[in-house]
Amino acid sequence: MKYFTKICGVTELEDLKEICELKVSAIGFNRDLNSPRLVSLEFLNAAANYLNEEICPVIVFVNESRNGVLEAAKPFKRPILQFHGDEDEKFCSSFDLPYIKAISMNESDYLNKMNSFETSFAILLDSGNKFIRGGTGETFDWKLIPKEMNSKIIIAGGLNSNNISSLLEVYQPFGIDVASGVESKPGKKDILEINKLLEKINEKEKTN
C-alpha cells in the first residue's frame, strides 16, 4: 500500500529544494494570514520552479476570497487546493481543481461535515479548532477515525517519526500530512526528521 504523503508548511526555498529530492506525494504552502507558516505570492511563484511532475503542490487556505484562491493557485500547473476554514462544498468545488477539505476532530459535528464534501479529492482530519486551524503539533483521538467512509482520508495533527508507526499499525488512511512534526521551528523543516518519518512510512507500506 502506498500512502499519499504530504509535507506541509514549507516556507524556505532551500528546504523546498531538498524535499523535492525525496519521495513525497505533495508539498503544502500556507496562505492563512494567521499562520506562522504563511508564504507570500512571490514565494509561490518561485516555488513553482522547483516542483517536479511527481510532486503535487497543495495550497492551504482559511476563509480566503475567491480572487485570493485564484491568485495563489496561478503559478502552478496542477495544484490541489486545501480548505481549512468554514468553506462549503459549493465554494470548494467552484474552482474546477481537486481540493482537500480539512475537518477538525475537536468539533462535535465532525461526522456531518465529513459527509458534506462528496466532491473532494480527500478529507483531512486534523486537531485544529476555530482559533488555530492546523499545525498545532497535537494529535486527536485516533479512535474517532471512521472505519468506513466513501471519501479518501488524510490524517494530520501531531504526527512525527515517533508516533507514525503506531497510527499505521491500526489504520490505513489514504494519506498522511505532517508539518510541525518535522520542524526545528515553525516553517523551518528538519530534513533529517523528514527522512526518519519517510523511512517509517516506507516500512509500513511494505508490510500493509
Protein backbone atom coordinates (compact mmCIF):
# COMPACT_ATOMS: atom_id res chain seq x y z
CA MET A 1 0.00 0.00 0.00
CA LYS A 2 1.34 3.44 -0.98
CA TYR A 3 0.37 6.39 1.20
CA PHE A 4 -0.24 9.92 -0.06
CA THR A 5 2.47 11.68 1.98
CA LYS A 6 2.36 15.45 2.31
CA ILE A 7 4.92 17.72 3.94
CA CYS A 8 3.07 20.93 4.77
CA GLY A 9 4.03 24.46 5.76
CA VAL A 10 7.21 24.81 3.72
CA THR A 11 8.46 28.41 3.90
CA GLU A 12 12.05 28.31 2.62
CA LEU A 13 13.23 27.61 -0.91
CA GLU A 14 16.29 25.80 0.41
CA ASP A 15 14.06 23.34 2.27
CA LEU A 16 11.78 23.02 -0.72
CA LYS A 17 14.67 22.07 -2.98
CA GLU A 18 15.76 19.29 -0.61
CA ILE A 19 12.23 17.96 -0.06
CA CYS A 20 11.69 17.77 -3.82
CA GLU A 21 14.52 15.22 -3.90
CA LEU A 22 12.61 12.94 -1.51
CA LYS A 23 9.80 10.51 -2.23
CA VAL A 24 6.85 12.60 -1.10
CA SER A 25 3.49 12.92 -2.82
CA ALA A 26 2.79 16.57 -2.07
CA ILE A 27 4.22 19.74 -0.56
CA GLY A 28 1.95 22.23 1.17
CA PHE A 29 2.16 26.03 1.16
CA ASN A 30 0.15 28.02 3.67
CA ARG A 31 -1.82 31.14 2.76
CA ASP A 32 -3.57 31.53 6.13
CA LEU A 33 -2.80 35.08 7.25
CA ASN A 34 -2.74 33.96 10.91
CA SER A 35 -0.27 31.14 10.37
CA PRO A 36 3.43 31.34 11.30
CA ARG A 37 3.95 29.36 8.07
CA LEU A 38 2.35 31.98 5.82
CA VAL A 39 4.15 32.43 2.49
CA SER A 40 3.86 35.30 0.03
CA LEU A 41 2.62 35.19 -3.55
CA GLU A 42 6.19 35.95 -4.59
CA PHE A 43 7.34 32.83 -2.76
CA LEU A 44 4.71 30.72 -4.54
CA ASN A 45 5.90 31.99 -7.90
CA ALA A 46 9.45 30.99 -7.05
CA ALA A 47 8.38 27.65 -5.57
CA ALA A 48 6.61 26.63 -8.76
CA ASN A 49 10.01 26.41 -10.49
CA TYR A 50 11.29 23.77 -8.06
CA LEU A 51 8.47 21.24 -8.18
CA ASN A 52 8.80 18.19 -10.40
CA GLU A 53 5.91 16.39 -12.08
CA GLU A 54 5.74 13.71 -9.38
CA ILE A 55 5.02 16.12 -6.50
CA CYS A 56 1.69 17.92 -6.15
CA PRO A 57 1.64 21.48 -4.82
CA VAL A 58 -1.08 21.93 -2.19
CA ILE A 59 -2.10 25.46 -1.25
CA VAL A 60 -3.76 25.85 2.14
CA PHE A 61 -6.45 28.49 2.71
CA VAL A 62 -8.61 29.62 5.63
CA ASN A 63 -11.75 31.51 4.57
CA GLU A 64 -9.91 33.08 1.64
CA SER A 65 -11.69 35.16 -1.02
CA ARG A 66 -12.27 33.66 -4.45
CA ASN A 67 -9.73 36.03 -6.02
CA GLY A 68 -7.22 35.16 -3.32
CA VAL A 69 -7.51 31.46 -4.11
CA LEU A 70 -7.13 32.03 -7.85
CA GLU A 71 -4.12 34.30 -7.40
CA ALA A 72 -2.29 31.78 -5.20
CA ALA A 73 -3.06 28.85 -7.50
CA LYS A 74 -1.97 30.67 -10.66
CA PRO A 75 1.78 29.79 -10.62
CA PHE A 76 1.16 26.03 -10.56
CA LYS A 77 0.24 23.65 -13.36
CA ARG A 78 -1.78 21.17 -11.30
CA PRO A 79 -2.37 22.44 -7.76
CA ILE A 80 -4.57 20.87 -5.13
CA LEU A 81 -6.49 23.37 -3.01
CA GLN A 82 -6.84 22.71 0.72
CA PHE A 83 -9.56 24.49 2.69
CA HIS A 84 -9.19 24.73 6.48
CA GLY A 85 -11.90 27.27 7.21
CA ASP A 86 -15.70 27.43 7.09
CA GLU A 87 -15.92 26.97 3.32
CA ASP A 88 -18.88 24.99 1.98
CA GLU A 89 -18.80 22.39 -0.77
CA LYS A 90 -20.14 24.81 -3.38
CA PHE A 91 -17.22 27.18 -2.85
CA CYS A 92 -14.58 24.44 -2.62
CA SER A 93 -15.69 22.78 -5.85
CA SER A 94 -16.16 26.00 -7.83
CA PHE A 95 -12.51 26.25 -8.97
CA ASP A 96 -12.55 23.09 -11.12
CA LEU A 97 -9.45 21.90 -9.26
CA PRO A 98 -9.05 18.95 -6.89
CA TYR A 99 -9.48 20.01 -3.29
CA ILE A 100 -8.92 18.70 0.22
CA LYS A 101 -11.34 19.73 2.95
CA ALA A 102 -9.95 19.83 6.48
CA ILE A 103 -12.25 18.82 9.33
CA SER A 104 -11.46 19.46 12.98
CA MET A 105 -11.91 16.32 15.07
CA ASN A 106 -12.38 18.55 18.12
CA GLU A 107 -15.82 19.63 16.89
CA SER A 108 -18.89 17.60 17.81
CA ASP A 109 -20.37 17.63 14.28
CA TYR A 110 -17.24 16.32 12.52
CA LEU A 111 -19.06 13.33 11.02
CA ASN A 112 -21.72 15.51 9.37
CA LYS A 113 -19.04 17.80 7.97
CA MET A 114 -17.05 14.88 6.60
CA ASN A 115 -20.08 13.66 4.68
CA SER A 116 -20.83 17.12 3.26
CA PHE A 117 -17.95 17.21 0.76
CA GLU A 118 -18.62 14.40 -1.71
CA THR A 119 -16.75 16.25 -4.47
CA SER A 120 -13.49 16.45 -2.52
CA PHE A 121 -10.24 14.82 -3.59
CA ALA A 122 -9.81 13.86 0.07
CA ILE A 123 -10.95 14.71 3.60
CA LEU A 124 -8.22 15.76 6.03
CA LEU A 125 -8.79 15.01 9.72
CA ASP A 126 -6.91 17.41 11.98
CA SER A 127 -6.67 18.52 15.61
CA GLY A 128 -7.24 22.22 15.00
CA ASN A 129 -10.05 24.45 16.18
CA LYS A 130 -11.69 27.72 15.15
CA PHE A 131 -8.75 29.72 16.53
CA ILE A 132 -5.83 27.56 15.36
CA ARG A 133 -6.85 25.75 12.19
CA GLY A 134 -3.82 23.47 11.84
CA GLY A 135 -0.16 22.95 12.67
CA THR A 136 -0.95 22.61 16.37
CA GLY A 137 1.52 19.79 16.94
CA GLU A 138 -1.20 17.93 18.85
CA THR A 139 -2.82 14.63 17.97
CA PHE A 140 -6.54 13.96 18.21
CA ASP A 141 -8.16 10.75 19.48
CA TRP A 142 -7.46 8.31 16.64
CA LYS A 143 -10.37 6.16 17.80
CA LEU A 144 -12.61 8.80 16.20
CA ILE A 145 -11.32 7.93 12.72
CA PRO A 146 -14.23 6.32 10.83
CA LYS A 147 -13.61 2.68 9.90
CA GLU A 148 -15.58 3.02 6.68
CA MET A 149 -16.09 6.09 4.55
CA ASN A 150 -16.51 6.84 0.87
CA SER A 151 -14.00 9.70 0.86
CA LYS A 152 -10.25 9.32 0.96
CA ILE A 153 -8.98 10.11 4.47
CA ILE A 154 -5.77 12.04 5.21
CA ILE A 155 -4.62 12.10 8.84
CA ALA A 156 -2.90 15.18 10.28
CA GLY A 157 -2.25 16.59 13.73
CA GLY A 158 0.90 15.99 15.72
CA LEU A 159 2.33 13.24 13.54
CA ASN A 160 6.08 12.59 13.64
CA SER A 161 8.63 9.80 13.31
CA ASN A 162 7.92 8.65 16.87
CA ASN A 163 4.19 8.01 16.51
CA ILE A 164 3.58 7.38 12.79
CA SER A 165 4.16 3.62 13.11
CA SER A 166 1.57 3.42 15.91
CA LEU A 167 -1.01 5.12 13.70
CA LEU A 168 -0.30 2.88 10.71
CA GLU A 169 -0.39 -0.28 12.84
CA VAL A 170 -4.12 0.26 13.32
CA TYR A 171 -5.28 2.50 10.46
CA GLN A 172 -4.52 2.54 6.76
CA PRO A 173 -5.57 6.04 5.66
CA PHE A 174 -5.24 7.29 2.13
CA GLY A 175 -2.76 9.91 3.25
CA ILE A 176 -0.55 11.41 5.95
CA ASP A 177 0.01 15.16 6.44
CA VAL A 178 2.91 16.43 8.56
CA ALA A 179 4.00 19.97 9.42
CA SER A 180 5.27 20.71 12.95
CA GLY A 181 6.42 17.11 13.47
CA VAL A 182 9.30 17.61 11.03
CA GLU A 183 10.35 21.13 12.03
CA SER A 184 13.05 22.71 14.15
CA LYS A 185 10.77 25.76 14.44
CA PRO A 186 7.53 26.81 12.69
CA GLY A 187 8.17 26.83 8.95
CA LYS A 188 11.77 25.56 9.18
CA LYS A 189 11.88 21.95 8.05
CA ASP A 190 14.28 19.42 9.52
CA ILE A 191 15.34 17.23 6.59
CA LEU A 192 16.72 14.52 8.89
CA GLU A 193 13.36 14.28 10.64
CA ILE A 194 11.55 14.12 7.30
CA ASN A 195 13.79 11.25 6.25
CA LYS A 196 13.13 9.43 9.54
CA LEU A 197 9.40 9.82 9.03
CA LEU A 198 9.56 8.62 5.43
CA GLU A 199 11.58 5.57 6.47
CA LYS A 200 8.91 4.60 9.00
CA ILE A 201 6.17 5.11 6.42
CA ASN A 202 8.08 3.08 3.85
CA GLU A 203 8.43 0.21 6.33
CA LYS A 204 4.66 0.14 6.83
CA GLU A 205 4.00 0.37 3.09
CA LYS A 206 5.95 -2.86 2.64
CA THR A 207 4.04 -4.76 5.32
CA ASN A 208 0.47 -3.44 4.93
